[in-house]
N, C-alpha and C. Protein backbone atom coordinates (compact mmCIF):
# COMPACT_ATOMS: atom_id res chain seq x y z
N MET A 1 112.84 97.05 86.96
CA MET A 1 112.38 97.91 86.97
C MET A 1 112.80 99.22 87.32
N SER A 2 112.20 100.02 86.87
CA SER A 2 112.75 101.30 86.99
C SER A 2 112.72 102.25 87.84
N PRO A 3 114.06 102.59 88.17
CA PRO A 3 114.31 103.45 89.58
C PRO A 3 113.34 104.56 89.79
N TRP A 4 113.01 105.15 88.70
CA TRP A 4 111.94 105.95 89.07
C TRP A 4 110.57 105.41 89.92
N ILE A 5 109.96 104.43 89.28
CA ILE A 5 108.95 103.48 90.03
C ILE A 5 109.54 103.25 91.69
N TYR A 6 110.64 103.05 91.78
CA TYR A 6 111.30 102.65 93.16
C TYR A 6 111.10 104.38 93.78
N PHE A 7 111.68 105.60 93.56
CA PHE A 7 111.63 106.65 93.96
C PHE A 7 110.82 106.91 94.24
N LEU A 8 109.48 106.92 93.63
CA LEU A 8 107.69 107.40 93.65
C LEU A 8 107.19 106.99 94.56
N VAL A 9 107.70 105.76 94.44
CA VAL A 9 106.45 104.81 95.67
C VAL A 9 106.95 105.46 97.03
N THR A 10 108.17 105.09 96.81
CA THR A 10 109.24 105.29 98.74
C THR A 10 108.98 106.82 98.70
N ALA A 11 109.19 107.40 98.18
CA ALA A 11 108.29 109.19 98.20
C ALA A 11 107.35 109.65 98.88
N THR A 12 106.19 108.56 98.16
CA THR A 12 105.03 108.47 98.35
C THR A 12 104.55 108.46 99.88
N ILE A 13 105.41 107.00 99.81
CA ILE A 13 105.05 106.97 101.35
C ILE A 13 105.93 107.37 102.86
N ALA A 14 107.20 107.99 102.12
CA ALA A 14 107.18 108.48 103.21
C ALA A 14 106.59 110.11 103.54
N TRP A 15 105.94 110.77 102.47
CA TRP A 15 104.82 112.30 102.46
C TRP A 15 103.73 111.33 103.37
N HIS A 16 103.61 110.26 103.26
CA HIS A 16 101.89 110.15 103.98
C HIS A 16 102.50 110.02 105.96
N GLY A 17 103.69 109.09 105.66
CA GLY A 17 103.82 108.43 106.62
C GLY A 17 104.24 110.27 107.88
N ILE A 18 105.46 111.12 107.23
CA ILE A 18 105.64 112.32 108.17
C ILE A 18 104.49 113.53 108.10
N THR A 19 103.64 113.19 107.28
CA THR A 19 102.36 114.53 107.45
C THR A 19 101.59 114.05 108.30
N HIS A 20 101.05 112.28 108.12
CA HIS A 20 100.03 111.87 109.03
C HIS A 20 99.85 112.50 110.98
N ARG A 21 98.74 112.68 110.82
CA ARG A 21 98.24 112.71 112.34
C ARG A 21 97.44 112.28 112.23
N ASP A 22 97.04 111.99 113.93
CA ASP A 22 95.88 111.24 114.62
C ASP A 22 95.09 111.94 114.47
N ALA A 23 93.67 111.47 115.26
CA ALA A 23 92.36 112.25 115.28
C ALA A 23 92.02 113.69 116.00
N ASN A 24 93.64 113.28 116.75
CA ASN A 24 93.64 114.51 117.91
C ASN A 24 94.87 115.87 117.34
N GLY A 25 95.58 115.75 116.11
CA GLY A 25 96.42 116.21 115.32
C GLY A 25 97.43 116.21 115.83
N GLU A 26 98.30 115.11 116.48
CA GLU A 26 99.34 114.70 117.17
C GLU A 26 99.79 113.66 115.66
N HIS A 27 101.15 114.07 115.45
CA HIS A 27 101.68 113.43 115.02
C HIS A 27 102.39 111.43 116.01
N THR A 28 102.25 110.53 114.92
CA THR A 28 102.18 109.23 115.71
C THR A 28 103.44 108.92 115.56
N PRO A 29 104.09 108.26 116.59
CA PRO A 29 105.94 108.01 116.28
C PRO A 29 105.76 106.67 115.24
N GLY A 30 105.21 106.02 115.19
CA GLY A 30 105.22 104.62 114.38
C GLY A 30 105.04 105.31 112.54
N HIS A 31 104.16 106.25 112.43
CA HIS A 31 103.73 106.45 110.91
C HIS A 31 105.50 107.60 110.65
N LEU A 32 105.97 108.16 111.83
CA LEU A 32 107.01 109.19 111.58
C LEU A 32 108.62 108.64 111.02
N LEU A 33 108.39 107.33 112.29
CA LEU A 33 109.89 106.66 111.72
C LEU A 33 109.83 105.56 110.55
N PHE A 34 108.48 104.71 110.21
CA PHE A 34 108.77 104.45 109.20
C PHE A 34 108.48 105.63 107.67
N GLY A 35 108.13 106.30 108.12
CA GLY A 35 108.09 107.90 106.64
C GLY A 35 109.34 108.14 107.04
N CYS A 36 110.70 108.66 108.37
CA CYS A 36 111.86 108.76 107.62
C CYS A 36 112.47 107.87 107.04
N ILE A 37 112.49 106.59 107.55
CA ILE A 37 112.73 105.39 106.47
C ILE A 37 112.42 105.01 105.06
N ALA A 38 111.25 105.63 105.03
CA ALA A 38 111.29 105.64 103.33
C ALA A 38 112.22 106.72 102.56
N LEU A 39 111.65 108.06 103.65
CA LEU A 39 112.55 109.29 102.25
C LEU A 39 114.03 109.07 102.58
N THR A 40 114.67 108.08 103.77
CA THR A 40 116.00 108.10 103.62
C THR A 40 116.24 107.07 102.46
N PHE A 41 115.55 105.95 101.88
CA PHE A 41 115.28 105.20 100.51
C PHE A 41 115.19 105.60 99.53
N ALA A 42 113.87 106.57 99.41
CA ALA A 42 113.71 107.64 98.58
C ALA A 42 115.05 108.07 98.38
N LEU A 43 115.35 108.43 99.14
CA LEU A 43 117.11 109.94 98.92
C LEU A 43 118.06 109.06 98.42
N ARG A 44 118.18 107.61 98.76
CA ARG A 44 119.01 106.61 98.28
C ARG A 44 118.74 106.38 96.46
N PHE A 45 117.64 106.01 96.33
CA PHE A 45 117.30 106.02 94.83
C PHE A 45 117.55 106.80 93.77
N LEU A 46 117.23 108.37 94.66
CA LEU A 46 117.16 109.55 93.37
C LEU A 46 118.58 109.93 93.59
N PHE A 47 119.70 109.85 94.15
CA PHE A 47 120.61 110.08 94.30
C PHE A 47 122.21 108.63 93.69
N VAL A 48 121.59 107.83 93.79
CA VAL A 48 122.25 107.11 93.83
C VAL A 48 121.97 106.39 92.20
N ASP A 49 120.55 105.95 91.85
CA ASP A 49 120.19 105.01 90.77
C ASP A 49 119.78 106.35 90.00
N ILE A 50 119.14 107.59 90.31
CA ILE A 50 118.80 108.02 89.20
C ILE A 50 119.66 109.02 88.54
N LEU A 51 120.38 109.91 89.52
CA LEU A 51 121.51 111.00 89.21
C LEU A 51 122.80 110.05 88.95
N GLY A 52 122.96 108.84 89.31
CA GLY A 52 124.16 108.39 89.26
C GLY A 52 125.85 108.92 90.33
N LEU A 53 125.10 109.42 91.39
CA LEU A 53 126.46 110.13 92.21
C LEU A 53 126.78 108.90 92.85
N PRO A 54 128.56 109.18 93.00
CA PRO A 54 129.04 108.02 93.99
C PRO A 54 128.42 108.21 95.39
N VAL A 55 128.19 107.05 95.88
CA VAL A 55 128.30 106.90 97.38
C VAL A 55 128.80 105.79 97.69
N TRP A 56 129.52 106.19 98.79
CA TRP A 56 130.43 105.01 99.55
C TRP A 56 129.95 103.93 99.58
N GLY A 57 130.11 102.68 99.23
CA GLY A 57 129.31 101.66 100.02
C GLY A 57 128.17 101.63 99.56
N ILE A 58 127.42 102.01 98.54
CA ILE A 58 126.12 101.98 98.25
C ILE A 58 126.41 101.72 96.59
N GLN A 59 126.19 100.26 95.97
CA GLN A 59 126.26 100.01 94.61
C GLN A 59 124.84 100.48 93.75
N PRO A 60 125.26 100.95 92.75
CA PRO A 60 123.57 101.07 91.87
C PRO A 60 122.60 99.65 91.66
N LEU A 61 121.20 99.67 91.54
CA LEU A 61 120.90 98.78 91.23
C LEU A 61 121.25 97.56 90.13
N ASP A 62 121.82 98.32 88.94
CA ASP A 62 121.57 97.59 88.39
C ASP A 62 122.72 97.20 87.80
N GLN A 63 123.76 97.28 88.83
CA GLN A 63 124.98 96.92 88.89
C GLN A 63 125.44 95.47 89.56
N ASP A 64 125.79 94.25 90.22
CA ASP A 64 126.23 93.12 90.69
C ASP A 64 126.97 93.63 91.90
């Protein structure tokens, strides 16, 4: 599967989680937590798998 798909899906989840507000207009901790986790994975796919930048301890998806 293409790293672009992984990046777009996780970036969309991160955007929703970070910008979500409840009925009172407040950010919910659960959405913020999982939004930040998704953002971390989205940046990993962008920098390591798409741009090919070497990051210590992380191998790209196409390598074993």
